[in-house]
PDB file of N, CA and C in Angstrom:
ATOM      1  N   MET A   1      43.600 143.714-117.624  1.00  0.00           N
ATOM      2  CA  MET A   1      42.368 144.298-117.177  1.00  0.00           C
ATOM      3  C   MET A   1      42.685 145.442-116.228  1.00  0.00           C
ATOM      4  N   LYS A   2      42.273 146.609-116.616  1.00  0.00           N
ATOM      5  CA  LYS A   2      42.694 147.825-115.947  1.00  0.00           C
ATOM      6  C   LYS A   2      41.997 148.063-114.612  1.00  0.00           C
ATOM      7  N   TYR A   3      40.704 147.833-114.548  1.00  0.00           N
ATOM      8  CA  TYR A   3      39.946 148.139-113.344  1.00  0.00           C
ATOM      9  C   TYR A   3      39.448 146.900-112.624  1.00  0.00           C
ATOM     10  N   THR A   4      40.094 145.786-112.836  1.00  0.00           N
ATOM     11  CA  THR A   4      39.633 144.525-112.273  1.00  0.00           C
ATOM     12  C   THR A   4      40.793 143.789-111.627  1.00  0.00           C
ATOM     13  N   TYR A   5      40.536 143.244-110.444  1.00  0.00           N
ATOM     14  CA  TYR A   5      41.526 142.462-109.719  1.00  0.00           C
ATOM     15  C   TYR A   5      40.932 141.107-109.382  1.00  0.00           C
ATOM     16  N   SER A   6      41.778 140.100-109.218  1.00  0.00           N
ATOM     17  CA  SER A   6      41.285 138.752-108.942  1.00  0.00           C
ATOM     18  C   SER A   6      40.990 138.584-107.450  1.00  0.00           C
ATOM     19  N   ILE A   7      40.038 137.718-107.180  1.00  0.00           N
ATOM     20  CA  ILE A   7      39.658 137.401-105.802  1.00  0.00           C
ATOM     21  C   ILE A   7      40.497 136.217-105.348  1.00  0.00           C
ATOM     22  N   LYS A   8      41.110 136.350-104.195  1.00  0.00           N
ATOM     23  CA  LYS A   8      41.934 135.270-103.673  1.00  0.00           C
ATOM     24  C   LYS A   8      41.552 134.878-102.249  1.00  0.00           C
ATOM     25  N   ASP A   9      40.624 135.610-101.642  1.00  0.00           N
ATOM     26  CA  ASP A   9      40.231 135.364-100.263  1.00  0.00           C
ATOM     27  C   ASP A   9      39.063 134.385-100.214  1.00  0.00           C
ATOM     28  N   GLU A  10      39.228 133.297 -99.487  1.00  0.00           N
ATOM     29  CA  GLU A  10      38.185 132.266 -99.381  1.00  0.00           C
ATOM     30  C   GLU A  10      36.904 132.819 -98.750  1.00  0.00           C
ATOM     31  N   LYS A  11      37.040 133.720 -97.799  1.00  0.00           N
ATOM     32  CA  LYS A  11      35.859 134.282 -97.142  1.00  0.00           C
ATOM     33  C   LYS A  11      35.009 135.098 -98.124  1.00  0.00           C
ATOM     34  N   LEU A  12      35.664 135.785 -99.051  1.00  0.00           N
ATOM     35  CA  LEU A  12      34.921 136.563-100.041  1.00  0.00           C
ATOM     36  C   LEU A  12      34.169 135.642-101.005  1.00  0.00           C
ATOM     37  N   PHE A  13      34.757 134.489-101.341  1.00  0.00           N
ATOM     38  CA  PHE A  13      34.048 133.519-102.180  1.00  0.00           C
ATOM     39  C   PHE A  13      32.763 133.065-101.478  1.00  0.00           C
ATOM     40  N   GLN A  14      32.874 132.708-100.205  1.00  0.00           N
ATOM     41  CA  GLN A  14      31.710 132.257 -99.460  1.00  0.00           C
ATOM     42  C   GLN A  14      30.666 133.361 -99.322  1.00  0.00           C
ATOM     43  N   LYS A  15      31.128 134.577 -99.120  1.00  0.00           N
ATOM     44  CA  LYS A  15      30.208 135.717 -99.007  1.00  0.00           C
ATOM     45  C   LYS A  15      29.488 135.955-100.331  1.00  0.00           C
ATOM     46  N   LEU A  16      30.206 135.846-101.441  1.00  0.00           N
ATOM     47  CA  LEU A  16      29.593 135.997-102.753  1.00  0.00           C
ATOM     48  C   LEU A  16      28.511 134.951-102.991  1.00  0.00           C
ATOM     49  N   ILE A  17      28.798 133.710-102.653  1.00  0.00           N
ATOM     50  CA  ILE A  17      27.840 132.635-102.894  1.00  0.00           C
ATOM     51  C   ILE A  17      26.641 132.741-101.959  1.00  0.00           C
ATOM     52  N   ASN A  18      26.879 133.076-100.697  1.00  0.00           N
ATOM     53  CA  ASN A  18      25.794 133.099 -99.723  1.00  0.00           C
ATOM     54  C   ASN A  18      24.952 134.379 -99.782  1.00  0.00           C
ATOM     55  N   LYS A  19      25.587 135.535 -99.967  1.00  0.00           N
ATOM     56  CA  LYS A  19      24.870 136.806 -99.895  1.00  0.00           C
ATOM     57  C   LYS A  19      24.748 137.525-101.231  1.00  0.00           C
ATOM     58  N   GLY A  20      25.455 137.062-102.233  1.00  0.00           N
ATOM     59  CA  GLY A  20      25.431 137.727-103.527  1.00  0.00           C
ATOM     60  C   GLY A  20      24.178 137.400-104.330  1.00  0.00           C
ATOM     61  N   ASN A  21      23.890 138.259-105.285  1.00  0.00           N
ATOM     62  CA  ASN A  21      22.770 138.028-106.192  1.00  0.00           C
ATOM     63  C   ASN A  21      23.212 137.075-107.297  1.00  0.00           C
ATOM     64  N   TRP A  22      22.318 136.146-107.663  1.00  0.00           N
ATOM     65  CA  TRP A  22      22.627 135.134-108.663  1.00  0.00           C
ATOM     66  C   TRP A  22      21.938 135.469-109.973  1.00  0.00           C
ATOM     67  N   TYR A  23      22.686 135.341-111.075  1.00  0.00           N
ATOM     68  CA  TYR A  23      22.146 135.537-112.414  1.00  0.00           C
ATOM     69  C   TYR A  23      22.624 134.376-113.272  1.00  0.00           C
ATOM     70  N   GLY A  24      21.704 133.774-114.023  1.00  0.00           N
ATOM     71  CA  GLY A  24      22.058 132.604-114.810  1.00  0.00           C
ATOM     72  C   GLY A  24      22.026 132.860-116.289  1.00  0.00           C
ATOM     73  N   GLY A  25      22.903 132.174-116.993  1.00  0.00           N
ATOM     74  CA  GLY A  25      22.949 132.204-118.448  1.00  0.00           C
ATOM     75  C   GLY A  25      22.880 130.788-118.976  1.00  0.00           C
ATOM     76  N   ASN A  26      23.174 130.620-120.254  1.00  0.00           N
ATOM     77  CA  ASN A  26      23.161 129.289-120.847  1.00  0.00           C
ATOM     78  C   ASN A  26      24.342 128.438-120.394  1.00  0.00           C
ATOM     79  N   TYR A  27      25.506 129.058-120.265  1.00  0.00           N
ATOM     80  CA  TYR A  27      26.721 128.320-119.922  1.00  0.00           C
ATOM     81  C   TYR A  27      27.280 128.675-118.555  1.00  0.00           C
ATOM     82  N   ILE A  28      26.940 129.867-118.052  1.00  0.00           N
ATOM     83  CA  ILE A  28      27.550 130.325-116.803  1.00  0.00           C
ATOM     84  C   ILE A  28      26.497 130.803-115.819  1.00  0.00           C
ATOM     85  N   SER A  29      26.892 130.816-114.553  1.00  0.00           N
ATOM     86  CA  SER A  29      26.139 131.459-113.492  1.00  0.00           C
ATOM     87  C   SER A  29      27.018 132.582-112.967  1.00  0.00           C
ATOM     88  N   LEU A  30      26.396 133.670-112.551  1.00  0.00           N
ATOM     89  CA  LEU A  30      27.139 134.830-112.080  1.00  0.00           C
ATOM     90  C   LEU A  30      26.630 135.213-110.702  1.00  0.00           C
ATOM     91  N   TYR A  31      27.559 135.340-109.756  1.00  0.00           N
ATOM     92  CA  TYR A  31      27.254 135.852-108.431  1.00  0.00           C
ATOM     93  C   TYR A  31      27.816 137.257-108.341  1.00  0.00           C
ATOM     94  N   VAL A  32      26.987 138.216-107.907  1.00  0.00           N
ATOM     95  CA  VAL A  32      27.374 139.623-107.874  1.00  0.00           C
ATOM     96  C   VAL A  32      27.129 140.173-106.481  1.00  0.00           C
ATOM     97  N   LEU A  33      28.106 140.929-105.981  1.00  0.00           N
ATOM     98  CA  LEU A  33      27.984 141.588-104.686  1.00  0.00           C
ATOM     99  C   LEU A  33      28.690 142.931-104.780  1.00  0.00           C
ATOM    100  N   SER A  34      28.097 143.960-104.233  1.00  0.00           N
ATOM    101  CA  SER A  34      28.721 145.285-104.250  1.00  0.00           C
ATOM    102  C   SER A  34      29.892 145.307-103.284  1.00  0.00           C
ATOM    103  N   ASN A  35      31.012 145.916-103.706  1.00  0.00           N
ATOM    104  CA  ASN A  35      32.194 145.965-102.825  1.00  0.00           C
ATOM    105  C   ASN A  35      32.565 147.385-102.409  1.00  0.00           C
ATOM    106  N   ASN A  36      31.822 148.384-102.862  1.00  0.00           N
ATOM    107  CA  ASN A  36      32.032 149.787-102.473  1.00  0.00           C
ATOM    108  C   ASN A  36      33.456 150.274-102.729  1.00  0.00           C
ATOM    109  N   LYS A  37      34.024 149.869-103.849  1.00  0.00           N
ATOM    110  CA  LYS A  37      35.360 150.310-104.257  1.00  0.00           C
ATOM    111  C   LYS A  37      35.280 150.868-105.660  1.00  0.00           C
ATOM    112  N   ASP A  38      36.374 151.429-106.139  1.00  0.00           N
ATOM    113  CA  ASP A  38      36.415 151.971-107.495  1.00  0.00           C
ATOM    114  C   ASP A  38      36.832 150.930-108.523  1.00  0.00           C
ATOM    115  N   THR A  39      37.015 149.705-108.087  1.00  0.00           N
ATOM    116  CA  THR A  39      37.444 148.627-108.981  1.00  0.00           C
ATOM    117  C   THR A  39      36.507 147.438-108.842  1.00  0.00           C
ATOM    118  N   ASN A  40      36.584 146.544-109.784  1.00  0.00           N
ATOM    119  CA  ASN A  40      35.854 145.281-109.714  1.00  0.00           C
ATOM    120  C   ASN A  40      36.802 144.192-109.262  1.00  0.00           C
ATOM    121  N   GLN A  41      36.250 143.206-108.569  1.00  0.00           N
ATOM    122  CA  GLN A  41      36.989 142.010-108.216  1.00  0.00           C
ATOM    123  C   GLN A  41      36.317 140.857-108.944  1.00  0.00           C
ATOM    124  N   ILE A  42      37.120 139.947-109.479  1.00  0.00           N
ATOM    125  CA  ILE A  42      36.542 138.898-110.319  1.00  0.00           C
ATOM    126  C   ILE A  42      37.212 137.556-110.041  1.00  0.00           C
ATOM    127  N   ALA A  43      36.421 136.491-110.195  1.00  0.00           N
ATOM    128  CA  ALA A  43      36.937 135.132-110.063  1.00  0.00           C
ATOM    129  C   ALA A  43      36.171 134.242-111.028  1.00  0.00           C
ATOM    130  N   TYR A  44      36.809 133.135-111.403  1.00  0.00           N
ATOM    131  CA  TYR A  44      36.230 132.185-112.336  1.00  0.00           C
ATOM    132  C   TYR A  44      36.279 130.804-111.708  1.00  0.00           C
ATOM    133  N   GLY A  45      35.201 130.057-111.824  1.00  0.00           N
ATOM    134  CA  GLY A  45      35.154 128.695-111.315  1.00  0.00           C
ATOM    135  C   GLY A  45      34.674 127.751-112.389  1.00  0.00           C
ATOM    136  N   VAL A  46      35.481 126.727-112.652  1.00  0.00           N
ATOM    137  CA  VAL A  46      35.121 125.715-113.635  1.00  0.00           C
ATOM    138  C   VAL A  46      35.320 124.361-112.971  1.00  0.00           C
ATOM    139  N   GLY A  47      34.244 123.596-112.843  1.00  0.00           N
ATOM    140  CA  GLY A  47      34.296 122.308-112.155  1.00  0.00           C
ATOM    141  C   GLY A  47      34.889 121.201-112.997  1.00  0.00           C
ATOM    142  N   LYS A  48      35.196 120.098-112.334  1.00  0.00           N
ATOM    143  CA  LYS A  48      35.816 118.970-113.018  1.00  0.00           C
ATOM    144  C   LYS A  48      34.877 118.258-113.989  1.00  0.00           C
ATOM    145  N   LYS A  49      33.577 118.455-113.831  1.00  0.00           N
ATOM    146  CA  LYS A  49      32.627 117.808-114.740  1.00  0.00           C
ATOM    147  C   LYS A  49      32.647 118.434-116.131  1.00  0.00           C
ATOM    148  N   VAL A  50      33.240 119.613-116.252  1.00  0.00           N
ATOM    149  CA  VAL A  50      33.358 120.262-117.563  1.00  0.00           C
ATOM    150  C   VAL A  50      34.309 119.485-118.447  1.00  0.00           C
ATOM    151  N   GLY A  51      35.362 118.937-117.867  1.00  0.00           N
ATOM    152  CA  GLY A  51      36.326 118.155-118.637  1.00  0.00           C
ATOM    153  C   GLY A  51      37.665 118.103-117.946  1.00  0.00           C
ATOM    154  N   LYS A  52      38.635 117.640-118.682  1.00  0.00           N
ATOM    155  CA  LYS A  52      39.993 117.560-118.139  1.00  0.00           C
ATOM    156  C   LYS A  52      40.595 118.954-118.021  1.00  0.00           C
ATOM    157  N   ALA A  53      41.802 119.056-117.480  1.00  0.00           N
ATOM    158  CA  ALA A  53      42.425 120.346-117.192  1.00  0.00           C
ATOM    159  C   ALA A  53      42.568 121.213-118.439  1.00  0.00           C
ATOM    160  N   PHE A  54      42.868 120.585-119.561  1.00  0.00           N
ATOM    161  CA  PHE A  54      43.018 121.349-120.799  1.00  0.00           C
ATOM    162  C   PHE A  54      41.731 122.095-121.146  1.00  0.00           C
ATOM    163  N   LYS A  55      40.606 121.412-121.068  1.00  0.00           N
ATOM    164  CA  LYS A  55      39.326 122.033-121.406  1.00  0.00           C
ATOM    165  C   LYS A  55      38.924 123.070-120.360  1.00  0.00           C
ATOM    166  N   ARG A  56      39.158 122.790-119.087  1.00  0.00           N
ATOM    167  CA  ARG A  56      38.820 123.757-118.034  1.00  0.00           C
ATOM    168  C   ARG A  56      39.610 125.043-118.197  1.00  0.00           C
ATOM    169  N   ASN A  57      40.901 124.930-118.483  1.00  0.00           N
ATOM    170  CA  ASN A  57      41.718 126.114-118.697  1.00  0.00           C
ATOM    171  C   ASN A  57      41.301 126.870-119.955  1.00  0.00           C
ATOM    172  N   TYR A  58      40.899 126.141-120.977  1.00  0.00           N
ATOM    173  CA  TYR A  58      40.424 126.767-122.209  1.00  0.00           C
ATOM    174  C   TYR A  58      39.159 127.589-121.944  1.00  0.00           C
ATOM    175  N   VAL A  59      38.236 127.024-121.177  1.00  0.00           N
ATOM    176  CA  VAL A  59      36.994 127.736-120.845  1.00  0.00           C
ATOM    177  C   VAL A  59      37.302 128.968-119.998  1.00  0.00           C
ATOM    178  N   LYS A  60      38.234 128.843-119.057  1.00  0.00           N
ATOM    179  CA  LYS A  60      38.622 130.012-118.243  1.00  0.00           C
ATOM    180  C   LYS A  60      39.237 131.102-119.096  1.00  0.00           C
ATOM    181  N   ARG A  61      40.061 130.721-120.068  1.00  0.00           N
ATOM    182  CA  ARG A  61      40.644 131.721-120.975  1.00  0.00           C
ATOM    183  C   ARG A  61      39.556 132.435-121.768  1.00  0.00           C
ATOM    184  N   LEU A  62      38.571 131.685-122.241  1.00  0.00           N
ATOM    185  CA  LEU A  62      37.461 132.301-122.978  1.00  0.00           C
ATOM    186  C   LEU A  62      36.680 133.266-122.088  1.00  0.00           C
ATOM    187  N   LEU A  63      36.436 132.876-120.837  1.00  0.00           N
ATOM    188  CA  LEU A  63      35.727 133.758-119.910  1.00  0.00           C
ATOM    189  C   LEU A  63      36.514 135.026-119.629  1.00  0.00           C
ATOM    190  N   ARG A  64      37.824 134.871-119.390  1.00  0.00           N
ATOM    191  CA  ARG A  64      38.666 136.043-119.124  1.00  0.00           C
ATOM    192  C   ARG A  64      38.672 137.008-120.296  1.00  0.00           C
ATOM    193  N   GLU A  65      38.810 136.483-121.486  1.00  0.00           N
ATOM    194  CA  GLU A  65      38.846 137.326-122.680  1.00  0.00           C
ATOM    195  C   GLU A  65      37.505 137.997-122.923  1.00  0.00           C
ATOM    196  N   SER A  66      36.419 137.290-122.677  1.00  0.00           N
ATOM    197  CA  SER A  66      35.089 137.872-122.847  1.00  0.00           C
ATOM    198  C   SER A  66      34.882 139.032-121.891  1.00  0.00           C
ATOM    199  N   TYR A  67      35.257 138.823-120.622  1.00  0.00           N
ATOM    200  CA  TYR A  67      35.081 139.912-119.661  1.00  0.00           C
ATOM    201  C   TYR A  67      36.012 141.082-119.971  1.00  0.00           C
ATOM    202  N   SER A  68      37.236 140.790-120.364  1.00  0.00           N
ATOM    203  CA  SER A  68      38.179 141.887-120.625  1.00  0.00           C
ATOM    204  C   SER A  68      37.741 142.741-121.815  1.00  0.00           C
ATOM    205  N   SER A  69      37.057 142.142-122.779  1.00  0.00           N
ATOM    206  CA  SER A  69      36.562 142.940-123.903  1.00  0.00           C
ATOM    207  C   SER A  69      35.347 143.776-123.504  1.00  0.00           C
ATOM    208  N   LEU A  70      34.644 143.381-122.448  1.00  0.00           N
ATOM    209  CA  LEU A  70      33.494 144.138-121.958  1.00  0.00           C
ATOM    210  C   LEU A  70      33.829 145.053-120.785  1.00  0.00           C
ATOM    211  N   GLU A  71      35.069 145.013-120.323  1.00  0.00           N
ATOM    212  CA  GLU A  71      35.446 145.743-119.112  1.00  0.00           C
ATOM    213  C   GLU A  71      35.269 147.248-119.243  1.00  0.00           C
ATOM    214  N   ASN A  72      35.523 147.809-120.408  1.00  0.00           N
ATOM    215  CA  ASN A  72      35.407 149.267-120.581  1.00  0.00           C
ATOM    216  C   ASN A  72      33.976 149.749-120.441  1.00  0.00           C
ATOM    217  N   THR A  73      33.008 148.899-120.725  1.00  0.00           N
ATOM    218  CA  THR A  73      31.603 149.293-120.615  1.00  0.00           C
ATOM    219  C   THR A  73      30.977 148.877-119.292  1.00  0.00           C
ATOM    220  N   ALA A  74      31.709 148.144-118.457  1.00  0.00           N
ATOM    221  CA  ALA A  74      31.163 147.640-117.194  1.00  0.00           C
ATOM    222  C   ALA A  74      31.270 148.696-116.097  1.00  0.00           C
ATOM    223  N   LYS A  75      30.275 148.698-115.227  1.00  0.00           N
ATOM    224  CA  LYS A  75      30.307 149.576-114.061  1.00  0.00           C
ATOM    225  C   LYS A  75      31.292 149.009-113.050  1.00  0.00           C
ATOM    226  N   THR A  76      31.875 149.882-112.246  1.00  0.00           N
ATOM    227  CA  THR A  76      32.825 149.439-111.230  1.00  0.00           C
ATOM    228  C   THR A  76      32.140 149.400-109.863  1.00  0.00           C
ATOM    229  N   GLY A  77      32.797 148.728-108.927  1.00  0.00           N
ATOM    230  CA  GLY A  77      32.282 148.641-107.566  1.00  0.00           C
ATOM    231  C   GLY A  77      31.598 147.324-107.267  1.00  0.00           C
ATOM    232  N   TYR A  78      31.957 146.261-107.998  1.00  0.00           N
ATOM    233  CA  TYR A  78      31.316 144.963-107.809  1.00  0.00           C
ATOM    234  C   TYR A  78      32.349 143.858-107.655  1.00  0.00           C
ATOM    235  N   SER A  79      31.944 142.816-106.920  1.00  0.00           N
ATOM    236  CA  SER A  79      32.689 141.566-106.875  1.00  0.00           C
ATOM    237  C   SER A  79      31.900 140.566-107.713  1.00  0.00           C
ATOM    238  N   LEU A  80      32.570 139.940-108.659  1.00  0.00           N
ATOM    239  CA  LEU A  80      31.928 139.039-109.615  1.00  0.00           C
ATOM    240  C   LEU A  80      32.543 137.646-109.523  1.00  0.00           C
ATOM    241  N   PHE A  81      31.704 136.640-109.554  1.00  0.00           N
ATOM    242  CA  PHE A  81      32.174 135.254-109.533  1.00  0.00           C
ATOM    243  C   PHE A  81      31.450 134.499-110.639  1.00  0.00           C
ATOM    244  N   PHE A  82      32.179 134.177-111.715  1.00  0.00           N
ATOM    245  CA  PHE A  82      31.638 133.420-112.836  1.00  0.00           C
ATOM    246  C   PHE A  82      31.837 131.932-112.564  1.00  0.00           C
ATOM    247  N   VAL A  83      30.750 131.174-112.612  1.00  0.00           N
ATOM    248  CA  VAL A  83      30.814 129.724-112.398  1.00  0.00           C
ATOM    249  C   VAL A  83      30.230 129.051-113.625  1.00  0.00           C
ATOM    250  N   CYS A  84      30.962 128.112-114.211  1.00  0.00           N
ATOM    251  CA  CYS A  84      30.465 127.380-115.375  1.00  0.00           C
ATOM    252  C   CYS A  84      29.473 126.318-114.920  1.00  0.00           C
ATOM    253  N   LYS A  85      28.403 126.191-115.667  1.00  0.00           N
ATOM    254  CA  LYS A  85      27.405 125.173-115.355  1.00  0.00           C
ATOM    255  C   LYS A  85      27.928 123.800-115.779  1.00  0.00           C
ATOM    256  N   ASN A  86      27.803 122.837-114.897  1.00  0.00           N
ATOM    257  CA  ASN A  86      28.328 121.506-115.174  1.00  0.00           C
ATOM    258  C   ASN A  86      27.552 120.780-116.265  1.00  0.00           C
ATOM    259  N   LYS A  87      26.258 121.050-116.378  1.00  0.00           N
ATOM    260  CA  LYS A  87      25.443 120.325-117.340  1.00  0.00           C
ATOM    261  C   LYS A  87      25.514 120.909-118.739  1.00  0.00           C
ATOM    262  N   ALA A  88      26.140 122.055-118.902  1.00  0.00           N
ATOM    263  CA  ALA A  88      26.271 122.665-120.227  1.00  0.00           C
ATOM    264  C   ALA A  88      27.305 121.892-121.038  1.00  0.00           C
ATOM    265  N   ASN A  89      27.136 121.900-122.342  1.00  0.00           N
ATOM    266  CA  ASN A  89      28.040 121.169-123.238  1.00  0.00           C
ATOM    267  C   ASN A  89      29.137 122.115-123.727  1.00  0.00           C
ATOM    268  N   PHE A  90      30.355 121.891-123.292  1.00  0.00           N
ATOM    269  CA  PHE A  90      31.495 122.722-123.666  1.00  0.00           C
ATOM    270  C   PHE A  90      32.372 122.058-124.718  1.00  0.00           C
ATOM    271  N   ASP A  91      31.886 121.024-125.390  1.00  0.00           N
ATOM    272  CA  ASP A  91      32.719 120.284-126.332  1.00  0.00           C
ATOM    273  C   ASP A  91      33.157 121.142-127.520  1.00  0.00           C
ATOM    274  N   ASN A  92      32.230 121.785-128.177  1.00  0.00           N
ATOM    275  CA  ASN A  92      32.570 122.596-129.347  1.00  0.00           C
ATOM    276  C   ASN A  92      32.177 124.050-129.116  1.00  0.00           C
ATOM    277  N   ILE A  93      32.526 124.572-127.962  1.00  0.00           N
ATOM    278  CA  ILE A  93      32.148 125.937-127.599  1.00  0.00           C
ATOM    279  C   ILE A  93      33.051 126.923-128.332  1.00  0.00           C
ATOM    280  N   SER A  94      32.480 128.033-128.738  1.00  0.00           N
ATOM    281  CA  SER A  94      33.268 129.055-129.418  1.00  0.00           C
ATOM    282  C   SER A  94      33.317 130.314-128.562  1.00  0.00           C
ATOM    283  N   TYR A  95      34.223 131.189-128.916  1.00  0.00           N
ATOM    284  CA  TYR A  95      34.372 132.454-128.198  1.00  0.00           C
ATOM    285  C   TYR A  95      33.094 133.275-128.287  1.00  0.00           C
ATOM    286  N   VAL A  96      32.441 133.277-129.429  1.00  0.00           N
ATOM    287  CA  VAL A  96      31.238 134.089-129.624  1.00  0.00           C
ATOM    288  C   VAL A  96      30.114 133.630-128.699  1.00  0.00           C
ATOM    289  N   GLU A  97      29.962 132.327-128.511  1.00  0.00           N
ATOM    290  CA  GLU A  97      28.924 131.823-127.623  1.00  0.00           C
ATOM    291  C   GLU A  97      29.183 132.221-126.172  1.00  0.00           C
ATOM    292  N   ILE A  98      30.423 132.094-125.740  1.00  0.00           N
ATOM    293  CA  ILE A  98      30.780 132.493-124.371  1.00  0.00           C
ATOM    294  C   ILE A  98      30.632 133.999-124.213  1.00  0.00           C
ATOM    295  N   TYR A  99      31.091 134.775-125.194  1.00  0.00           N
ATOM    296  CA  TYR A  99      30.996 136.227-125.136  1.00  0.00           C
ATOM    297  C   TYR A  99      29.537 136.672-125.010  1.00  0.00           C
ATOM    298  N   ASN A 100      28.656 136.104-125.830  1.00  0.00           N
ATOM    299  CA  ASN A 100      27.239 136.463-125.778  1.00  0.00           C
ATOM    300  C   ASN A 100      26.626 136.095-124.432  1.00  0.00           C
ATOM    301  N   ASP A 101      27.012 134.956-123.887  1.00  0.00           N
ATOM    302  CA  ASP A 101      26.474 134.538-122.596  1.00  0.00           C
ATOM    303  C   ASP A 101      26.965 135.454-121.472  1.00  0.00           C
ATOM    304  N   VAL A 102      28.246 135.807-121.500  1.00  0.00           N
ATOM    305  CA  VAL A 102      28.796 136.728-120.490  1.00  0.00           C
ATOM    306  C   VAL A 102      28.122 138.086-120.617  1.00  0.00           C
ATOM    307  N   TYR A 103      27.979 138.569-121.829  1.00  0.00           N
ATOM    308  CA  TYR A 103      27.341 139.870-122.053  1.00  0.00           C
ATOM    309  C   TYR A 103      25.903 139.874-121.549  1.00  0.00           C
ATOM    310  N   ASN A 104      25.121 138.858-121.906  1.00  0.00           N
ATOM    311  CA  ASN A 104      23.718 138.803-121.493  1.00  0.00           C
ATOM    312  C   ASN A 104      23.576 138.663-119.988  1.00  0.00           C
ATOM    313  N   THR A 105      24.460 137.900-119.360  1.00  0.00           N
ATOM    314  CA  THR A 105      24.399 137.730-117.915  1.00  0.00           C
ATOM    315  C   THR A 105      24.775 139.028-117.199  1.00  0.00           C
ATOM    316  N   LEU A 106      25.808 139.716-117.677  1.00  0.00           N
ATOM    317  CA  LEU A 106      26.171 141.002-117.083  1.00  0.00           C
ATOM    318  C   LEU A 106      25.085 142.039-117.309  1.00  0.00           C
ATOM    319  N   LYS A 107      24.401 141.942-118.436  1.00  0.00           N
ATOM    320  CA  LYS A 107      23.302 142.860-118.721  1.00  0.00           C
ATOM    321  C   LYS A 107      22.132 142.610-117.771  1.00  0.00           C
ATOM    322  N   LYS A 108      21.827 141.328-117.493  1.00  0.00           N
ATOM    323  CA  LYS A 108      20.786 140.988-116.519  1.00  0.00           C
ATOM    324  C   LYS A 108      21.121 141.559-115.143  1.00  0.00           C
ATOM    325  N   ALA A 109      22.404 141.518-114.792  1.00  0.00           N
ATOM    326  CA  ALA A 109      22.846 141.995-113.482  1.00  0.00           C
ATOM    327  C   ALA A 109      22.879 143.519-113.411  1.00  0.00           C
ATOM    328  N   GLY A 110      22.780 144.189-114.550  1.00  0.00           N
ATOM    329  CA  GLY A 110      22.817 145.647-114.565  1.00  0.00           C
ATOM    330  C   GLY A 110      24.212 146.214-114.505  1.00  0.00           C
ATOM    331  N   ILE A 111      25.204 145.413-114.819  1.00  0.00           N
ATOM    332  CA  ILE A 111      26.592 145.866-114.793  1.00  0.00           C
ATOM    333  C   ILE A 111      26.994 146.445-116.138  1.00  0.00           C
ATOM    334  N   VAL A 112      26.450 145.897-117.223  1.00  0.00           N
ATOM    335  CA  VAL A 112      26.706 146.411-118.567  1.00  0.00           C
ATOM    336  C   VAL A 112      25.377 146.872-119.128  1.00  0.00           C
ATOM    337  N   ASP A 113      25.273 148.144-119.477  1.00  0.00           N
ATOM    338  CA  ASP A 113      24.035 148.680-120.018  1.00  0.00           C
ATOM    339  C   ASP A 113      24.137 148.998-121.491  1.00  0.00           C
ATOM    340  N   TRP A 114      25.333 149.008-122.028  1.00  0.00           N
ATOM    341  CA  TRP A 114      25.546 149.468-123.389  1.00  0.00           C
ATOM    342  C   TRP A 114      25.380 148.328-124.362  1.00  0.00           C
ATOM    343  N   LYS A 115      25.400 148.702-125.628  1.00  0.00           N
ATOM    344  CA  LYS A 115      25.352 147.690-126.687  1.00  0.00           C
ATOM    345  C   LYS A 115      26.671 146.944-126.743  1.00  0.00           C
ATOM    346  N   LYS A 116      26.650 145.804-127.415  1.00  0.00           N
ATOM    347  CA  LYS A 116      27.869 144.998-127.545  1.00  0.00           C
ATOM    348  C   LYS A 116      28.945 145.806-128.234  1.00  0.00           C
ATOM    349  N   SER A 117      30.184 145.616-127.743  1.00  0.00           N
ATOM    350  CA  SER A 117      31.315 146.337-128.365  1.00  0.00           C
ATOM    351  C   SER A 117      32.029 145.462-129.355  1.00  0.00           C
TER     352      SER A 117
END
């Protein structure tokens, strides 16, 4: 991911959750906060209720790939925190379902304005 860096600071996570704007999808929730930089910062959160480590890592890989395919059309200057909903069913989830959910959620947030790539 060329214009995106991962979030590693605990204070930024708390700031995103407390002061960031929330946007919901079918499978994910998105917290967005402006960071006034030329790059995006991104983090992924998948709780233990989603499943065992294998399934959680699989969902994170799907989220990363979905965002990376949309990165060229995304606006820069935001901190993003993708959180998977615990009540959603991730048993037979496909890449297309996650991709559509990420796209629609980013579109709600005004970060992606273009058509699907």
